């Protein structure tokens, strides 16, 4: 919310990060079936 104090305009901004841009966790030690599936998607 903007405010005016002592002749200065203060504006507070909120940065909303979309869910698609948020960091994701990828578990290490996936099974071989997961690796094969990812290779098929990438091909």
PDB file of N, CA and C in Angstrom:
ATOM      1  N   UNK A   1       0.846  -1.178   0.000  1.00  0.00           N
ATOM      2  CA  UNK A   1       0.000   0.000   0.000  1.00  0.00           C
ATOM      3  C   UNK A   1       0.888   1.238   0.000  1.00  0.00           C
ATOM      4  N   UNK A   2       0.607   2.191  -0.855  1.00  0.00           N
ATOM      5  CA  UNK A   2       1.421   3.410  -0.890  1.00  0.00           C
ATOM      6  C   UNK A   2       1.129   4.301   0.318  1.00  0.00           C
ATOM      7  N   UNK A   3       2.163   5.017   0.756  1.00  0.00           N
ATOM      8  CA  UNK A   3       1.981   5.960   1.855  1.00  0.00           C
ATOM      9  C   UNK A   3       2.832   7.195   1.584  1.00  0.00           C
ATOM     10  N   UNK A   4       2.385   8.319   2.102  1.00  0.00           N
ATOM     11  CA  UNK A   4       3.099   9.577   1.932  1.00  0.00           C
ATOM     12  C   UNK A   4       3.546  10.046   3.313  1.00  0.00           C
ATOM     13  N   UNK A   5       4.889  10.045   3.529  1.00  0.00           N
ATOM     14  CA  UNK A   5       5.437  10.453   4.816  1.00  0.00           C
ATOM     15  C   UNK A   5       6.520  11.494   4.584  1.00  0.00           C
ATOM     16  N   UNK A   6       6.376  12.644   5.220  1.00  0.00           N
ATOM     17  CA  UNK A   6       7.354  13.730   5.117  1.00  0.00           C
ATOM     18  C   UNK A   6       7.669  14.101   3.666  1.00  0.00           C
ATOM     19  N   UNK A   7       6.654  14.084   2.823  1.00  0.00           N
ATOM     20  CA  UNK A   7       6.849  14.443   1.426  1.00  0.00           C
ATOM     21  C   UNK A   7       7.449  13.335   0.574  1.00  0.00           C
ATOM     22  N   UNK A   8       7.629  12.137   1.144  1.00  0.00           N
ATOM     23  CA  UNK A   8       8.182  11.014   0.386  1.00  0.00           C
ATOM     24  C   UNK A   8       7.094   9.976   0.145  1.00  0.00           C
ATOM     25  N   UNK A   9       7.003   9.539  -1.093  1.00  0.00           N
ATOM     26  CA  UNK A   9       6.032   8.511  -1.442  1.00  0.00           C
ATOM     27  C   UNK A   9       6.695   7.146  -1.317  1.00  0.00           C
ATOM     28  N   UNK A  10       6.158   6.311  -0.440  1.00  0.00           N
ATOM     29  CA  UNK A  10       6.668   4.951  -0.252  1.00  0.00           C
ATOM     30  C   UNK A  10       5.675   3.969  -0.855  1.00  0.00           C
ATOM     31  N   UNK A  11       6.186   3.094  -1.720  1.00  0.00           N
ATOM     32  CA  UNK A  11       5.346   2.078  -2.349  1.00  0.00           C
ATOM     33  C   UNK A  11       5.959   0.716  -2.057  1.00  0.00           C
ATOM     34  N   UNK A  12       5.179  -0.175  -1.446  1.00  0.00           N
ATOM     35  CA  UNK A  12       5.639  -1.530  -1.166  1.00  0.00           C
ATOM     36  C   UNK A  12       5.148  -2.449  -2.276  1.00  0.00           C
ATOM     37  N   UNK A  13       6.078  -3.189  -2.871  1.00  0.00           N
ATOM     38  CA  UNK A  13       5.733  -4.110  -3.943  1.00  0.00           C
ATOM     39  C   UNK A  13       5.883  -5.544  -3.455  1.00  0.00           C
ATOM     40  N   UNK A  14       5.007  -6.405  -3.942  1.00  0.00           N
ATOM     41  CA  UNK A  14       5.066  -7.825  -3.612  1.00  0.00           C
ATOM     42  C   UNK A  14       5.323  -8.582  -4.902  1.00  0.00           C
ATOM     43  N   UNK A  15       6.377  -9.405  -4.902  1.00  0.00           N
ATOM     44  CA  UNK A  15       6.700 -10.190  -6.091  1.00  0.00           C
ATOM     45  C   UNK A  15       6.076 -11.571  -5.947  1.00  0.00           C
ATOM     46  N   UNK A  16       5.133 -11.870  -6.827  1.00  0.00           N
ATOM     47  CA  UNK A  16       4.480 -13.171  -6.809  1.00  0.00           C
ATOM     48  C   UNK A  16       5.118 -14.048  -7.876  1.00  0.00           C
ATOM     49  N   UNK A  17       5.693 -15.173  -7.452  1.00  0.00           N
ATOM     50  CA  UNK A  17       6.352 -16.094  -8.372  1.00  0.00           C
ATOM     51  C   UNK A  17       5.356 -17.187  -8.759  1.00  0.00           C
ATOM     52  N   UNK A  18       5.116 -17.358 -10.066  1.00  0.00           N
ATOM     53  CA  UNK A  18       4.203 -18.427 -10.485  1.00  0.00           C
ATOM     54  C   UNK A  18       4.730 -19.800 -10.072  1.00  0.00           C
ATOM     55  N   UNK A  19       3.830 -20.731  -9.875  1.00  0.00           N
ATOM     56  CA  UNK A  19       4.213 -22.076  -9.433  1.00  0.00           C
ATOM     57  C   UNK A  19       5.196 -22.724 -10.406  1.00  0.00           C
ATOM     58  N   UNK A  20       5.063 -22.442 -11.704  1.00  0.00           N
ATOM     59  CA  UNK A  20       5.939 -23.052 -12.708  1.00  0.00           C
ATOM     60  C   UNK A  20       7.375 -22.552 -12.592  1.00  0.00           C
ATOM     61  N   UNK A  21       7.596 -21.386 -12.021  1.00  0.00           N
ATOM     62  CA  UNK A  21       8.942 -20.834 -11.921  1.00  0.00           C
ATOM     63  C   UNK A  21       9.598 -21.086 -10.574  1.00  0.00           C
ATOM     64  N   UNK A  22       8.870 -21.670  -9.641  1.00  0.00           N
ATOM     65  CA  UNK A  22       9.437 -21.941  -8.321  1.00  0.00           C
ATOM     66  C   UNK A  22      10.411 -23.111  -8.411  1.00  0.00           C
ATOM     67  N   UNK A  23      11.449 -23.113  -7.564  1.00  0.00           N
ATOM     68  CA  UNK A  23      12.391 -24.233  -7.580  1.00  0.00           C
ATOM     69  C   UNK A  23      11.710 -25.538  -7.182  1.00  0.00           C
ATOM     70  N   UNK A  24      12.149 -26.622  -7.819  1.00  0.00           N
ATOM     71  CA  UNK A  24      11.572 -27.933  -7.536  1.00  0.00           C
ATOM     72  C   UNK A  24      12.646 -28.854  -6.987  1.00  0.00           C
ATOM     73  N   UNK A  25      12.230 -29.817  -6.191  1.00  0.00           N
ATOM     74  CA  UNK A  25      13.154 -30.810  -5.648  1.00  0.00           C
ATOM     75  C   UNK A  25      13.070 -32.067  -6.500  1.00  0.00           C
ATOM     76  N   UNK A  26      14.241 -32.584  -6.877  1.00  0.00           N
ATOM     77  CA  UNK A  26      14.319 -33.832  -7.621  1.00  0.00           C
ATOM     78  C   UNK A  26      15.089 -34.814  -6.757  1.00  0.00           C
ATOM     79  N   UNK A  27      14.460 -35.926  -6.441  1.00  0.00           N
ATOM     80  CA  UNK A  27      15.112 -36.896  -5.572  1.00  0.00           C
ATOM     81  C   UNK A  27      16.210 -37.625  -6.320  1.00  0.00           C
ATOM     82  N   UNK A  28      17.330 -37.800  -5.649  1.00  0.00           N
ATOM     83  CA  UNK A  28      18.465 -38.519  -6.215  1.00  0.00           C
ATOM     84  C   UNK A  28      18.301 -39.993  -5.885  1.00  0.00           C
ATOM     85  N   UNK A  29      18.677 -40.849  -6.823  1.00  0.00           N
ATOM     86  CA  UNK A  29      18.566 -42.284  -6.601  1.00  0.00           C
ATOM     87  C   UNK A  29      17.298 -42.840  -7.215  1.00  0.00           C
ATOM     88  N   UNK A  30      16.868 -42.263  -8.319  1.00  0.00           N
ATOM     89  CA  UNK A  30      15.665 -42.733  -8.996  1.00  0.00           C
ATOM     90  C   UNK A  30      15.917 -44.125  -9.571  1.00  0.00           C
ATOM     91  N   UNK A  31      14.856 -44.887  -9.757  1.00  0.00           N
ATOM     92  CA  UNK A  31      14.984 -46.232 -10.311  1.00  0.00           C
ATOM     93  C   UNK A  31      15.257 -46.156 -11.804  1.00  0.00           C
ATOM     94  N   UNK A  32      15.696 -47.256 -12.389  1.00  0.00           N
ATOM     95  CA  UNK A  32      16.011 -47.294 -13.817  1.00  0.00           C
ATOM     96  C   UNK A  32      14.777 -47.028 -14.673  1.00  0.00           C
ATOM     97  N   UNK A  33      13.598 -47.430 -14.222  1.00  0.00           N
ATOM     98  CA  UNK A  33      12.388 -47.218 -15.010  1.00  0.00           C
ATOM     99  C   UNK A  33      12.115 -45.727 -15.188  1.00  0.00           C
ATOM    100  N   UNK A  34      12.420 -44.919 -14.181  1.00  0.00           N
ATOM    101  CA  UNK A  34      12.238 -43.473 -14.305  1.00  0.00           C
ATOM    102  C   UNK A  34      13.199 -42.893 -15.330  1.00  0.00           C
ATOM    103  N   UNK A  35      14.429 -43.389 -15.373  1.00  0.00           N
ATOM    104  CA  UNK A  35      15.423 -42.887 -16.320  1.00  0.00           C
ATOM    105  C   UNK A  35      14.983 -43.189 -17.740  1.00  0.00           C
ATOM    106  N   UNK A  36      14.492 -44.383 -17.982  1.00  0.00           N
ATOM    107  CA  UNK A  36      14.047 -44.757 -19.318  1.00  0.00           C
ATOM    108  C   UNK A  36      12.862 -43.905 -19.746  1.00  0.00           C
ATOM    109  N   UNK A  37      11.959 -43.647 -18.840  1.00  0.00           N
ATOM    110  CA  UNK A  37      10.782 -42.847 -19.169  1.00  0.00           C
ATOM    111  C   UNK A  37      11.193 -41.431 -19.549  1.00  0.00           C
ATOM    112  N   UNK A  38      12.153 -40.832 -18.827  1.00  0.00           N
ATOM    113  CA  UNK A  38      12.606 -39.486 -19.139  1.00  0.00           C
ATOM    114  C   UNK A  38      13.310 -39.444 -20.484  1.00  0.00           C
ATOM    115  N   UNK A  39      14.065 -40.478 -20.826  1.00  0.00           N
ATOM    116  CA  UNK A  39      14.739 -40.511 -22.113  1.00  0.00           C
ATOM    117  C   UNK A  39      13.728 -40.563 -23.248  1.00  0.00           C
ATOM    118  N   UNK A  40      12.631 -41.284 -23.074  1.00  0.00           N
ATOM    119  CA  UNK A  40      11.598 -41.360 -24.107  1.00  0.00           C
ATOM    120  C   UNK A  40      10.923 -40.007 -24.297  1.00  0.00           C
ATOM    121  N   UNK A  41      10.689 -39.288 -23.223  1.00  0.00           N
ATOM    122  CA  UNK A  41      10.045 -37.976 -23.313  1.00  0.00           C
ATOM    123  C   UNK A  41      10.966 -36.994 -24.022  1.00  0.00           C
ATOM    124  N   UNK A  42      12.271 -37.064 -23.755  1.00  0.00           N
ATOM    125  CA  UNK A  42      13.219 -36.133 -24.347  1.00  0.00           C
ATOM    126  C   UNK A  42      13.444 -36.423 -25.826  1.00  0.00           C
ATOM    127  N   UNK A  43      13.241 -37.642 -26.266  1.00  0.00           N
ATOM    128  CA  UNK A  43      13.526 -38.025 -27.655  1.00  0.00           C
ATOM    129  C   UNK A  43      12.506 -37.481 -28.621  1.00  0.00           C
TER     130      UNK A  43
END
